[in-house]
Amino acid sequence: MYVVRDRTGEKIGTVLGGIIGAAAAYISALSEESEDVFLGIGVAVLSAMLLGFLSGSATGNVIGERIDCKIRMKYKCLRCGSVIYG
């Protein structure tokens, strides 16, 4: 099979979702921080950012995939390079 779906929306959704998720987790973790334990806060902030990035990436990936499949419906032939709209 030479025809594949264009995954631009999926890629953009994954990156933007990860950035937004990490930023939201960072802001949330900093608002909850306590000033008496420095090392624990650093680890907590990094852990929150990592989990925010992962969950945001997963959400963005799903949303981007839905946009690619249901709205854009753009496919590309790997053999000749022509674009097909389905």
PDB file of N, CA and C in Angstrom:
ATOM      1  N   MET A   1       0.847  -1.174   0.000  1.00  0.00           N
ATOM      2  CA  MET A   1       0.000   0.000   0.000  1.00  0.00           C
ATOM      3  C   MET A   1       0.892   1.235   0.000  1.00  0.00           C
ATOM      4  N   TYR A   2       0.628   2.136  -0.907  1.00  0.00           N
ATOM      5  CA  TYR A   2       1.480   3.311  -1.065  1.00  0.00           C
ATOM      6  C   TYR A   2       0.873   4.585  -0.496  1.00  0.00           C
ATOM      7  N   VAL A   3      -0.392   4.567  -0.155  1.00  0.00           N
ATOM      8  CA  VAL A   3      -1.060   5.774   0.315  1.00  0.00           C
ATOM      9  C   VAL A   3      -1.062   5.799   1.843  1.00  0.00           C
ATOM     10  N   VAL A   4      -0.556   6.887   2.434  1.00  0.00           N
ATOM     11  CA  VAL A   4      -0.530   7.047   3.884  1.00  0.00           C
ATOM     12  C   VAL A   4      -1.203   8.364   4.257  1.00  0.00           C
ATOM     13  N   ARG A   5      -1.720   8.422   5.474  1.00  0.00           N
ATOM     14  CA  ARG A   5      -2.381   9.622   5.969  1.00  0.00           C
ATOM     15  C   ARG A   5      -1.335  10.651   6.375  1.00  0.00           C
ATOM     16  N   ASP A   6      -1.588  11.899   6.050  1.00  0.00           N
ATOM     17  CA  ASP A   6      -0.729  12.993   6.484  1.00  0.00           C
ATOM     18  C   ASP A   6      -0.910  13.191   7.981  1.00  0.00           C
ATOM     19  N   ARG A   7       0.166  13.189   8.747  1.00  0.00           N
ATOM     20  CA  ARG A   7       0.106  13.240  10.204  1.00  0.00           C
ATOM     21  C   ARG A   7       0.561  14.583  10.779  1.00  0.00           C
ATOM     22  N   THR A   8       0.420  15.649  10.035  1.00  0.00           N
ATOM     23  CA  THR A   8       0.874  16.952  10.495  1.00  0.00           C
ATOM     24  C   THR A   8       0.119  17.408  11.740  1.00  0.00           C
ATOM     25  N   GLY A   9      -1.189  17.280  11.758  1.00  0.00           N
ATOM     26  CA  GLY A   9      -1.986  17.682  12.913  1.00  0.00           C
ATOM     27  C   GLY A   9      -1.631  16.882  14.155  1.00  0.00           C
ATOM     28  N   GLU A  10      -1.362  15.611  13.963  1.00  0.00           N
ATOM     29  CA  GLU A  10      -0.996  14.738  15.073  1.00  0.00           C
ATOM     30  C   GLU A  10       0.346  15.163  15.682  1.00  0.00           C
ATOM     31  N   LYS A  11       1.309  15.477  14.841  1.00  0.00           N
ATOM     32  CA  LYS A  11       2.623  15.906  15.323  1.00  0.00           C
ATOM     33  C   LYS A  11       2.541  17.248  16.047  1.00  0.00           C
ATOM     34  N   ILE A  12       1.835  18.192  15.454  1.00  0.00           N
ATOM     35  CA  ILE A  12       1.685  19.513  16.070  1.00  0.00           C
ATOM     36  C   ILE A  12       0.919  19.402  17.389  1.00  0.00           C
ATOM     37  N   GLY A  13      -0.135  18.602  17.410  1.00  0.00           N
ATOM     38  CA  GLY A  13      -0.908  18.403  18.632  1.00  0.00           C
ATOM     39  C   GLY A  13      -0.083  17.794  19.747  1.00  0.00           C
ATOM     40  N   THR A  14       0.778  16.842  19.417  1.00  0.00           N
ATOM     41  CA  THR A  14       1.624  16.202  20.415  1.00  0.00           C
ATOM     42  C   THR A  14       2.595  17.196  21.034  1.00  0.00           C
ATOM     43  N   VAL A  15       3.252  17.992  20.199  1.00  0.00           N
ATOM     44  CA  VAL A  15       4.228  18.961  20.700  1.00  0.00           C
ATOM     45  C   VAL A  15       3.554  20.058  21.517  1.00  0.00           C
ATOM     46  N   LEU A  16       2.490  20.643  20.975  1.00  0.00           N
ATOM     47  CA  LEU A  16       1.800  21.713  21.695  1.00  0.00           C
ATOM     48  C   LEU A  16       1.168  21.210  22.988  1.00  0.00           C
ATOM     49  N   GLY A  17       0.581  20.027  22.956  1.00  0.00           N
ATOM     50  CA  GLY A  17       0.005  19.452  24.170  1.00  0.00           C
ATOM     51  C   GLY A  17       1.049  19.216  25.241  1.00  0.00           C
ATOM     52  N   GLY A  18       2.214  18.733  24.838  1.00  0.00           N
ATOM     53  CA  GLY A  18       3.300  18.513  25.797  1.00  0.00           C
ATOM     54  C   GLY A  18       3.789  19.804  26.419  1.00  0.00           C
ATOM     55  N   ILE A  19       3.954  20.828  25.600  1.00  0.00           N
ATOM     56  CA  ILE A  19       4.422  22.124  26.112  1.00  0.00           C
ATOM     57  C   ILE A  19       3.390  22.730  27.055  1.00  0.00           C
ATOM     58  N   ILE A  20       2.137  22.711  26.664  1.00  0.00           N
ATOM     59  CA  ILE A  20       1.084  23.276  27.505  1.00  0.00           C
ATOM     60  C   ILE A  20       0.936  22.477  28.802  1.00  0.00           C
ATOM     61  N   GLY A  21       1.005  21.151  28.713  1.00  0.00           N
ATOM     62  CA  GLY A  21       0.900  20.315  29.909  1.00  0.00           C
ATOM     63  C   GLY A  21       2.045  20.548  30.880  1.00  0.00           C
ATOM     64  N   ALA A  22       3.271  20.654  30.364  1.00  0.00           N
ATOM     65  CA  ALA A  22       4.426  20.901  31.231  1.00  0.00           C
ATOM     66  C   ALA A  22       4.349  22.286  31.864  1.00  0.00           C
ATOM     67  N   ALA A  23       3.930  23.286  31.093  1.00  0.00           N
ATOM     68  CA  ALA A  23       3.817  24.640  31.630  1.00  0.00           C
ATOM     69  C   ALA A  23       2.733  24.714  32.704  1.00  0.00           C
ATOM     70  N   ALA A  24       1.605  24.077  32.472  1.00  0.00           N
ATOM     71  CA  ALA A  24       0.526  24.085  33.467  1.00  0.00           C
ATOM     72  C   ALA A  24       0.964  23.374  34.747  1.00  0.00           C
ATOM     73  N   ALA A  25       1.670  22.258  34.610  1.00  0.00           N
ATOM     74  CA  ALA A  25       2.149  21.533  35.784  1.00  0.00           C
ATOM     75  C   ALA A  25       3.198  22.349  36.535  1.00  0.00           C
ATOM     76  N   TYR A  26       4.051  23.057  35.810  1.00  0.00           N
ATOM     77  CA  TYR A  26       5.077  23.895  36.439  1.00  0.00           C
ATOM     78  C   TYR A  26       4.434  25.018  37.248  1.00  0.00           C
ATOM     79  N   ILE A  27       3.470  25.684  36.658  1.00  0.00           N
ATOM     80  CA  ILE A  27       2.782  26.773  37.355  1.00  0.00           C
ATOM     81  C   ILE A  27       2.041  26.237  38.571  1.00  0.00           C
ATOM     82  N   SER A  28       1.393  25.102  38.421  1.00  0.00           N
ATOM     83  CA  SER A  28       0.664  24.504  39.531  1.00  0.00           C
ATOM     84  C   SER A  28       1.607  24.076  40.652  1.00  0.00           C
ATOM     85  N   ALA A  29       2.734  23.463  40.288  1.00  0.00           N
ATOM     86  CA  ALA A  29       3.688  23.005  41.301  1.00  0.00           C
ATOM     87  C   ALA A  29       4.322  24.182  42.029  1.00  0.00           C
ATOM     88  N   LEU A  30       4.598  25.261  41.340  1.00  0.00           N
ATOM     89  CA  LEU A  30       5.191  26.428  41.998  1.00  0.00           C
ATOM     90  C   LEU A  30       4.196  27.117  42.921  1.00  0.00           C
ATOM     91  N   SER A  31       2.933  27.083  42.592  1.00  0.00           N
ATOM     92  CA  SER A  31       1.939  27.718  43.456  1.00  0.00           C
ATOM     93  C   SER A  31       1.732  26.914  44.736  1.00  0.00           C
ATOM     94  N   GLU A  32       2.043  25.617  44.702  1.00  0.00           N
ATOM     95  CA  GLU A  32       1.870  24.748  45.867  1.00  0.00           C
ATOM     96  C   GLU A  32       3.143  24.608  46.693  1.00  0.00           C
ATOM     97  N   GLU A  33       4.240  25.228  46.270  1.00  0.00           N
ATOM     98  CA  GLU A  33       5.522  24.955  46.916  1.00  0.00           C
ATOM     99  C   GLU A  33       5.603  25.531  48.320  1.00  0.00           C
ATOM    100  N   SER A  34       6.391  24.862  49.116  1.00  0.00           N
ATOM    101  CA  SER A  34       6.695  25.300  50.469  1.00  0.00           C
ATOM    102  C   SER A  34       8.146  25.724  50.492  1.00  0.00           C
ATOM    103  N   GLU A  35       8.479  26.728  51.258  1.00  0.00           N
ATOM    104  CA  GLU A  35       9.831  27.283  51.229  1.00  0.00           C
ATOM    105  C   GLU A  35      10.795  26.598  52.182  1.00  0.00           C
ATOM    106  N   ASP A  36      10.348  25.621  52.973  1.00  0.00           N
ATOM    107  CA  ASP A  36      11.239  25.036  53.962  1.00  0.00           C
ATOM    108  C   ASP A  36      12.075  23.870  53.431  1.00  0.00           C
ATOM    109  N   VAL A  37      11.670  23.182  52.378  1.00  0.00           N
ATOM    110  CA  VAL A  37      12.422  22.050  51.850  1.00  0.00           C
ATOM    111  C   VAL A  37      12.740  22.326  50.387  1.00  0.00           C
ATOM    112  N   PHE A  38      14.004  22.601  50.089  1.00  0.00           N
ATOM    113  CA  PHE A  38      14.377  22.998  48.730  1.00  0.00           C
ATOM    114  C   PHE A  38      14.479  21.800  47.782  1.00  0.00           C
ATOM    115  N   LEU A  39      15.187  20.747  48.186  1.00  0.00           N
ATOM    116  CA  LEU A  39      15.419  19.605  47.292  1.00  0.00           C
ATOM    117  C   LEU A  39      14.118  18.892  46.954  1.00  0.00           C
ATOM    118  N   GLY A  40      13.273  18.701  47.930  1.00  0.00           N
ATOM    119  CA  GLY A  40      12.002  18.033  47.692  1.00  0.00           C
ATOM    120  C   GLY A  40      11.135  18.808  46.724  1.00  0.00           C
ATOM    121  N   ILE A  41      11.199  20.127  46.796  1.00  0.00           N
ATOM    122  CA  ILE A  41      10.411  20.963  45.886  1.00  0.00           C
ATOM    123  C   ILE A  41      10.925  20.831  44.461  1.00  0.00           C
ATOM    124  N   GLY A  42      12.233  20.826  44.296  1.00  0.00           N
ATOM    125  CA  GLY A  42      12.806  20.684  42.956  1.00  0.00           C
ATOM    126  C   GLY A  42      12.410  19.382  42.298  1.00  0.00           C
ATOM    127  N   VAL A  43      12.466  18.310  43.058  1.00  0.00           N
ATOM    128  CA  VAL A  43      12.079  17.004  42.532  1.00  0.00           C
ATOM    129  C   VAL A  43      10.586  16.975  42.246  1.00  0.00           C
ATOM    130  N   ALA A  44       9.793  17.571  43.122  1.00  0.00           N
ATOM    131  CA  ALA A  44       8.340  17.598  42.916  1.00  0.00           C
ATOM    132  C   ALA A  44       7.978  18.399  41.672  1.00  0.00           C
ATOM    133  N   VAL A  45       8.656  19.523  41.476  1.00  0.00           N
ATOM    134  CA  VAL A  45       8.380  20.355  40.301  1.00  0.00           C
ATOM    135  C   VAL A  45       8.765  19.618  39.024  1.00  0.00           C
ATOM    136  N   LEU A  46       9.924  18.979  39.020  1.00  0.00           N
ATOM    137  CA  LEU A  46      10.358  18.237  37.830  1.00  0.00           C
ATOM    138  C   LEU A  46       9.434  17.053  37.550  1.00  0.00           C
ATOM    139  N   SER A  47       9.022  16.369  38.606  1.00  0.00           N
ATOM    140  CA  SER A  47       8.093  15.244  38.424  1.00  0.00           C
ATOM    141  C   SER A  47       6.754  15.728  37.870  1.00  0.00           C
ATOM    142  N   ALA A  48       6.265  16.841  38.412  1.00  0.00           N
ATOM    143  CA  ALA A  48       4.997  17.389  37.921  1.00  0.00           C
ATOM    144  C   ALA A  48       5.115  17.810  36.464  1.00  0.00           C
ATOM    145  N   MET A  49       6.239  18.421  36.112  1.00  0.00           N
ATOM    146  CA  MET A  49       6.432  18.842  34.716  1.00  0.00           C
ATOM    147  C   MET A  49       6.493  17.642  33.782  1.00  0.00           C
ATOM    148  N   LEU A  50       7.190  16.585  34.199  1.00  0.00           N
ATOM    149  CA  LEU A  50       7.282  15.388  33.362  1.00  0.00           C
ATOM    150  C   LEU A  50       5.909  14.754  33.158  1.00  0.00           C
ATOM    151  N   LEU A  51       5.163  14.612  34.253  1.00  0.00           N
ATOM    152  CA  LEU A  51       3.822  14.030  34.123  1.00  0.00           C
ATOM    153  C   LEU A  51       2.899  14.933  33.319  1.00  0.00           C
ATOM    154  N   GLY A  52       3.021  16.248  33.497  1.00  0.00           N
ATOM    155  CA  GLY A  52       2.222  17.182  32.705  1.00  0.00           C
ATOM    156  C   GLY A  52       2.565  17.096  31.227  1.00  0.00           C
ATOM    157  N   PHE A  53       3.862  16.970  30.928  1.00  0.00           N
ATOM    158  CA  PHE A  53       4.291  16.842  29.536  1.00  0.00           C
ATOM    159  C   PHE A  53       3.747  15.568  28.909  1.00  0.00           C
ATOM    160  N   LEU A  54       3.842  14.464  29.643  1.00  0.00           N
ATOM    161  CA  LEU A  54       3.370  13.192  29.102  1.00  0.00           C
ATOM    162  C   LEU A  54       1.861  13.184  28.890  1.00  0.00           C
ATOM    163  N   SER A  55       1.121  13.665  29.869  1.00  0.00           N
ATOM    164  CA  SER A  55      -0.335  13.655  29.703  1.00  0.00           C
ATOM    165  C   SER A  55      -0.775  14.661  28.650  1.00  0.00           C
ATOM    166  N   GLY A  56      -0.118  15.819  28.579  1.00  0.00           N
ATOM    167  CA  GLY A  56      -0.446  16.798  27.543  1.00  0.00           C
ATOM    168  C   GLY A  56      -0.114  16.285  26.154  1.00  0.00           C
ATOM    169  N   SER A  57       1.011  15.581  26.034  1.00  0.00           N
ATOM    170  CA  SER A  57       1.393  15.010  24.737  1.00  0.00           C
ATOM    171  C   SER A  57       0.391  13.960  24.279  1.00  0.00           C
ATOM    172  N   ALA A  58      -0.025  13.114  25.203  1.00  0.00           N
ATOM    173  CA  ALA A  58      -0.992  12.076  24.849  1.00  0.00           C
ATOM    174  C   ALA A  58      -2.323  12.686  24.418  1.00  0.00           C
ATOM    175  N   THR A  59      -2.759  13.694  25.147  1.00  0.00           N
ATOM    176  CA  THR A  59      -4.019  14.357  24.801  1.00  0.00           C
ATOM    177  C   THR A  59      -3.910  15.074  23.458  1.00  0.00           C
ATOM    178  N   GLY A  60      -2.811  15.803  23.266  1.00  0.00           N
ATOM    179  CA  GLY A  60      -2.597  16.502  21.997  1.00  0.00           C
ATOM    180  C   GLY A  60      -2.490  15.555  20.823  1.00  0.00           C
ATOM    181  N   ASN A  61      -1.890  14.391  21.041  1.00  0.00           N
ATOM    182  CA  ASN A  61      -1.765  13.397  19.987  1.00  0.00           C
ATOM    183  C   ASN A  61      -3.133  12.897  19.549  1.00  0.00           C
ATOM    184  N   VAL A  62      -3.990  12.608  20.508  1.00  0.00           N
ATOM    185  CA  VAL A  62      -5.334  12.118  20.184  1.00  0.00           C
ATOM    186  C   VAL A  62      -6.143  13.187  19.450  1.00  0.00           C
ATOM    187  N   ILE A  63      -6.068  14.422  19.937  1.00  0.00           N
ATOM    188  CA  ILE A  63      -6.805  15.504  19.288  1.00  0.00           C
ATOM    189  C   ILE A  63      -6.284  15.737  17.870  1.00  0.00           C
ATOM    190  N   GLY A  64      -4.958  15.763  17.709  1.00  0.00           N
ATOM    191  CA  GLY A  64      -4.381  15.938  16.380  1.00  0.00           C
ATOM    192  C   GLY A  64      -4.719  14.809  15.434  1.00  0.00           C
ATOM    193  N   GLU A  65      -4.746  13.587  15.953  1.00  0.00           N
ATOM    194  CA  GLU A  65      -5.122  12.438  15.125  1.00  0.00           C
ATOM    195  C   GLU A  65      -6.566  12.554  14.655  1.00  0.00           C
ATOM    196  N   ARG A  66      -7.457  12.972  15.537  1.00  0.00           N
ATOM    197  CA  ARG A  66      -8.866  13.153  15.161  1.00  0.00           C
ATOM    198  C   ARG A  66      -9.012  14.238  14.100  1.00  0.00           C
ATOM    199  N   ILE A  67      -8.252  15.313  14.245  1.00  0.00           N
ATOM    200  CA  ILE A  67      -8.299  16.391  13.247  1.00  0.00           C
ATOM    201  C   ILE A  67      -7.811  15.882  11.901  1.00  0.00           C
ATOM    202  N   ASP A  68      -6.710  15.116  11.906  1.00  0.00           N
ATOM    203  CA  ASP A  68      -6.185  14.568  10.651  1.00  0.00           C
ATOM    204  C   ASP A  68      -7.178  13.614   9.994  1.00  0.00           C
ATOM    205  N   CYS A  69      -7.812  12.758  10.789  1.00  0.00           N
ATOM    206  CA  CYS A  69      -8.722  11.744  10.228  1.00  0.00           C
ATOM    207  C   CYS A  69     -10.071  12.312   9.813  1.00  0.00           C
ATOM    208  N   LYS A  70     -10.646  13.173  10.634  1.00  0.00           N
ATOM    209  CA  LYS A  70     -12.027  13.597  10.416  1.00  0.00           C
ATOM    210  C   LYS A  70     -12.167  14.929   9.683  1.00  0.00           C
ATOM    211  N   ILE A  71     -11.216  15.824   9.850  1.00  0.00           N
ATOM    212  CA  ILE A  71     -11.366  17.159   9.268  1.00  0.00           C
ATOM    213  C   ILE A  71     -10.479  17.336   8.031  1.00  0.00           C
ATOM    214  N   ARG A  72      -9.181  17.091   8.179  1.00  0.00           N
ATOM    215  CA  ARG A  72      -8.266  17.344   7.059  1.00  0.00           C
ATOM    216  C   ARG A  72      -8.393  16.293   5.968  1.00  0.00           C
ATOM    217  N   MET A  73      -8.446  15.020   6.347  1.00  0.00           N
ATOM    218  CA  MET A  73      -8.568  13.891   5.418  1.00  0.00           C
ATOM    219  C   MET A  73      -7.611  14.015   4.232  1.00  0.00           C
ATOM    220  N   LYS A  74      -6.348  14.246   4.534  1.00  0.00           N
ATOM    221  CA  LYS A  74      -5.330  14.425   3.506  1.00  0.00           C
ATOM    222  C   LYS A  74      -4.410  13.201   3.497  1.00  0.00           C
ATOM    223  N   TYR A  75      -4.232  12.617   2.332  1.00  0.00           N
ATOM    224  CA  TYR A  75      -3.396  11.435   2.174  1.00  0.00           C
ATOM    225  C   TYR A  75      -2.323  11.711   1.122  1.00  0.00           C
ATOM    226  N   LYS A  76      -1.213  10.969   1.225  1.00  0.00           N
ATOM    227  CA  LYS A  76      -0.103  11.172   0.291  1.00  0.00           C
ATOM    228  C   LYS A  76       0.348   9.817  -0.245  1.00  0.00           C
ATOM    229  N   CYS A  77       0.587   9.776  -1.533  1.00  0.00           N
ATOM    230  CA  CYS A  77       1.083   8.570  -2.176  1.00  0.00           C
ATOM    231  C   CYS A  77       2.603   8.516  -2.018  1.00  0.00           C
ATOM    232  N   LEU A  78       3.101   7.423  -1.459  1.00  0.00           N
ATOM    233  CA  LEU A  78       4.544   7.283  -1.270  1.00  0.00           C
ATOM    234  C   LEU A  78       5.267   6.981  -2.579  1.00  0.00           C
ATOM    235  N   ARG A  79       4.553   6.486  -3.551  1.00  0.00           N
ATOM    236  CA  ARG A  79       5.165   6.130  -4.828  1.00  0.00           C
ATOM    237  C   ARG A  79       5.407   7.357  -5.700  1.00  0.00           C
ATOM    238  N   CYS A  80       4.369   8.183  -5.888  1.00  0.00           N
ATOM    239  CA  CYS A  80       4.493   9.317  -6.803  1.00  0.00           C
ATOM    240  C   CYS A  80       4.533  10.664  -6.088  1.00  0.00           C
ATOM    241  N   GLY A  81       4.148  10.720  -4.780  1.00  0.00           N
ATOM    242  CA  GLY A  81       4.190  11.959  -4.030  1.00  0.00           C
ATOM    243  C   GLY A  81       2.969  12.842  -4.180  1.00  0.00           C
ATOM    244  N   SER A  82       1.966  12.378  -4.900  1.00  0.00           N
ATOM    245  CA  SER A  82       0.768  13.209  -5.086  1.00  0.00           C
ATOM    246  C   SER A  82      -0.082  13.203  -3.814  1.00  0.00           C
ATOM    247  N   VAL A  83      -0.810  14.292  -3.621  1.00  0.00           N
ATOM    248  CA  VAL A  83      -1.675  14.449  -2.444  1.00  0.00           C
ATOM    249  C   VAL A  83      -3.102  14.120  -2.844  1.00  0.00           C
ATOM    250  N   ILE A  84      -3.762  13.338  -1.981  1.00  0.00           N
ATOM    251  CA  ILE A  84      -5.127  12.910  -2.236  1.00  0.00           C
ATOM    252  C   ILE A  84      -5.976  13.368  -1.064  1.00  0.00           C
ATOM    253  N   TYR A  85      -7.082  14.013  -1.347  1.00  0.00           N
ATOM    254  CA  TYR A  85      -8.012  14.417  -0.290  1.00  0.00           C
ATOM    255  C   TYR A  85      -9.179  13.441  -0.285  1.00  0.00           C
ATOM    256  N   GLY A  86      -9.422  12.842   0.908  1.00  0.00           N
ATOM    257  CA  GLY A  86     -10.463  11.820   0.991  1.00  0.00           C
ATOM    258  C   GLY A  86     -11.643  12.350   1.616  1.00  0.00           C
TER     259      GLY A  86
END
